[in-house]
Structure formats: C-alpha cells, structure tokens
Amino acid sequence: MLPLVPRDAAVLDMRLPDGDGVTVCRELRSRMPELACLILTSLDDEDALLDSIMAGAAGYVLKQISGTDLVSFFAHPGNTPRGETVSAGVPEKWGPCRRG
C-alpha cells in the first residue's frame, strides 16, 4: 500500500502493472474518504464503470478526454468531464450519479 500523503484527488489508470485502478481506488477511499478518485481508461466497458462507481470513484473517463476537461473535473467540484465517457447511459439506468 502507498504511504498516505494528504491529497484532494487521484487519477488512476484502470490497468496497472500490479493490479487495477478500482482496487487502488477502494483502498485509498477506505483510508481517505474525502479523496476524489478519477478512473482514466481505454476500456469502454459498463461492468468496469459500475465496479468503479461501487469502489467510490468520482468519475470514469476514457483516455480521449482533453487535458482541459480533465483539469476542469478537479478544478470545479460537481462537474463531470465533458470528454468521451462510457457513463453517458448510466443516469437512465441507475439514476443520477453525483460526485462523492
């Protein structure tokens, strides 16, 4: 486990050499509930999206997101990234998703 250093946000890749971003998100949020985790991925996969939400991720975006939109996500709490995401259909199925 990583040593805890005060942070507001973490950007995590879904695929890591020694694990996955969902597991890291879950572990970080269990120790730092105020931490906003954003899962950045190339996987356009609804199951991975739902796993991320269940782990407490604040967002799940595809790697095509612009740098401006990525920064905006953290600079303006409550915003959602405007880039390509797989979460576009989630509100209809699961209700509104909000930053935790």
Foldseek 3Di string as FASTA:
>chain_A
DDDDDDDQEEEFEQDDPVHGPLVVLLVVCVVVVNYAYEYEYQDLDPVSQVSNVVSQHQYYAYNVQDPVQVVVPVVDAFDYRPDDGSCPPVCVPPNDRTRD
